[in-house]
Amino acid sequence: MLHGHVRLDSYTISSVVSSYAILASLCHGQVVHGKVIVMDVDYSMLVSSALIDMYSKCGVTLDTWSIFGEIPI
């Protein structure tokens, strides 16, 4: 999608991050999280929840709490 210049939305990102959460693949999840930051994608509840799930399943509690604190209410 990135090579085709397709802008990612929160549904696509949450699906990808959820897949990495199931696999407990921290490295790949962090790459997607970095893309979210660089591409300035909106931190919707979907994206935030998927990132929290991924980081907690990978055992990275500091990042989990950091994202939890930034959830839009």
C-alpha atoms as a PDB file:
ATOM      1  CA  MET A   1       0.000   0.000   0.000  1.00  0.00           C
ATOM      2  CA  LEU A   2       2.843   2.376   0.799  1.00  0.00           C
ATOM      3  CA  HIS A   3       4.536   1.690  -2.535  1.00  0.00           C
ATOM      4  CA  GLY A   4       1.237   2.392  -4.291  1.00  0.00           C
ATOM      5  CA  HIS A   5       0.958   5.751  -2.489  1.00  0.00           C
ATOM      6  CA  VAL A   6      -2.250   4.686  -0.774  1.00  0.00           C
ATOM      7  CA  ARG A   7      -2.919   6.628   2.423  1.00  0.00           C
ATOM      8  CA  LEU A   8      -3.478   4.311   5.354  1.00  0.00           C
ATOM      9  CA  ASP A   9      -6.552   4.805   7.509  1.00  0.00           C
ATOM     10  CA  SER A  10      -7.202   3.822  11.110  1.00  0.00           C
ATOM     11  CA  TYR A  11      -9.020   0.624  10.106  1.00  0.00           C
ATOM     12  CA  THR A  12      -6.096  -0.660   8.061  1.00  0.00           C
ATOM     13  CA  ILE A  13      -3.538   0.243  10.708  1.00  0.00           C
ATOM     14  CA  SER A  14      -5.510  -1.343  13.533  1.00  0.00           C
ATOM     15  CA  SER A  15      -5.878  -4.556  11.514  1.00  0.00           C
ATOM     16  CA  VAL A  16      -2.154  -4.735  10.806  1.00  0.00           C
ATOM     17  CA  VAL A  17      -1.190  -3.965  14.408  1.00  0.00           C
ATOM     18  CA  SER A  18      -3.719  -6.534  15.673  1.00  0.00           C
ATOM     19  CA  SER A  19      -2.110  -9.149  13.444  1.00  0.00           C
ATOM     20  CA  TYR A  20       1.289  -8.378  14.950  1.00  0.00           C
ATOM     21  CA  ALA A  21      -0.257  -8.541  18.430  1.00  0.00           C
ATOM     22  CA  ILE A  22      -1.474 -12.070  17.742  1.00  0.00           C
ATOM     23  CA  LEU A  23       2.022 -13.014  16.577  1.00  0.00           C
ATOM     24  CA  ALA A  24       3.614 -11.061  19.472  1.00  0.00           C
ATOM     25  CA  SER A  25       5.936  -9.509  16.891  1.00  0.00           C
ATOM     26  CA  LEU A  26       7.238  -6.430  18.654  1.00  0.00           C
ATOM     27  CA  CYS A  27       9.698  -5.384  15.954  1.00  0.00           C
ATOM     28  CA  HIS A  28       7.086  -5.305  13.182  1.00  0.00           C
ATOM     29  CA  GLY A  29       4.533  -3.623  15.425  1.00  0.00           C
ATOM     30  CA  GLN A  30       7.005  -0.890  16.297  1.00  0.00           C
ATOM     31  CA  VAL A  31       7.659  -0.284  12.598  1.00  0.00           C
ATOM     32  CA  VAL A  32       3.944   0.219  11.996  1.00  0.00           C
ATOM     33  CA  HIS A  33       3.705   2.464  15.064  1.00  0.00           C
ATOM     34  CA  GLY A  34       6.572   4.521  13.660  1.00  0.00           C
ATOM     35  CA  LYS A  35       4.765   4.848  10.335  1.00  0.00           C
ATOM     36  CA  VAL A  36       1.671   6.030  12.202  1.00  0.00           C
ATOM     37  CA  ILE A  37       3.746   8.759  13.842  1.00  0.00           C
ATOM     38  CA  VAL A  38       5.641   9.771  10.677  1.00  0.00           C
ATOM     39  CA  MET A  39       2.528   9.785   8.480  1.00  0.00           C
ATOM     40  CA  ASP A  40       0.619  11.742  11.148  1.00  0.00           C
ATOM     41  CA  VAL A  41      -2.275   9.282  11.203  1.00  0.00           C
ATOM     42  CA  ASP A  42      -5.013  10.146  13.678  1.00  0.00           C
ATOM     43  CA  TYR A  43      -4.764   8.204  16.949  1.00  0.00           C
ATOM     44  CA  SER A  44      -8.327   6.985  16.968  1.00  0.00           C
ATOM     45  CA  MET A  45      -9.661   4.588  19.565  1.00  0.00           C
ATOM     46  CA  LEU A  46      -9.101   1.753  17.055  1.00  0.00           C
ATOM     47  CA  VAL A  47      -5.414   2.480  16.565  1.00  0.00           C
ATOM     48  CA  SER A  48      -4.784   3.182  20.240  1.00  0.00           C
ATOM     49  CA  SER A  49      -6.504  -0.030  21.326  1.00  0.00           C
ATOM     50  CA  ALA A  50      -4.597  -2.122  18.802  1.00  0.00           C
ATOM     51  CA  LEU A  51      -1.269  -0.580  19.869  1.00  0.00           C
ATOM     52  CA  ILE A  52      -2.061  -1.149  23.566  1.00  0.00           C
ATOM     53  CA  ASP A  53      -2.961  -4.757  22.821  1.00  0.00           C
ATOM     54  CA  MET A  54       0.220  -5.328  20.815  1.00  0.00           C
ATOM     55  CA  TYR A  55       2.578  -3.722  23.314  1.00  0.00           C
ATOM     56  CA  SER A  56       0.981  -5.475  26.292  1.00  0.00           C
ATOM     57  CA  LYS A  57       1.129  -8.895  24.596  1.00  0.00           C
ATOM     58  CA  CYS A  58       4.798  -8.242  23.819  1.00  0.00           C
ATOM     59  CA  GLY A  59       5.456  -7.273  27.435  1.00  0.00           C
ATOM     60  CA  VAL A  60       6.358  -3.625  26.819  1.00  0.00           C
ATOM     61  CA  THR A  61       4.395  -2.018  29.633  1.00  0.00           C
ATOM     62  CA  LEU A  62       5.979   1.452  29.473  1.00  0.00           C
ATOM     63  CA  ASP A  63       4.815   1.971  25.885  1.00  0.00           C
ATOM     64  CA  THR A  64       1.435   0.485  26.790  1.00  0.00           C
ATOM     65  CA  TRP A  65       0.929   3.047  29.553  1.00  0.00           C
ATOM     66  CA  SER A  66       2.234   5.853  27.353  1.00  0.00           C
ATOM     67  CA  ILE A  67      -0.342   5.147  24.650  1.00  0.00           C
ATOM     68  CA  PHE A  68      -3.050   4.584  27.253  1.00  0.00           C
ATOM     69  CA  GLY A  69      -2.393   8.059  28.622  1.00  0.00           C
ATOM     70  CA  GLU A  70      -2.823   9.608  25.164  1.00  0.00           C
ATOM     71  CA  ILE A  71      -6.158   7.969  24.282  1.00  0.00           C
ATOM     72  CA  PRO A  72      -8.624  10.558  23.009  1.00  0.00           C
ATOM     73  CA  ILE A  73     -11.642  10.729  25.261  1.00  0.00           C
END
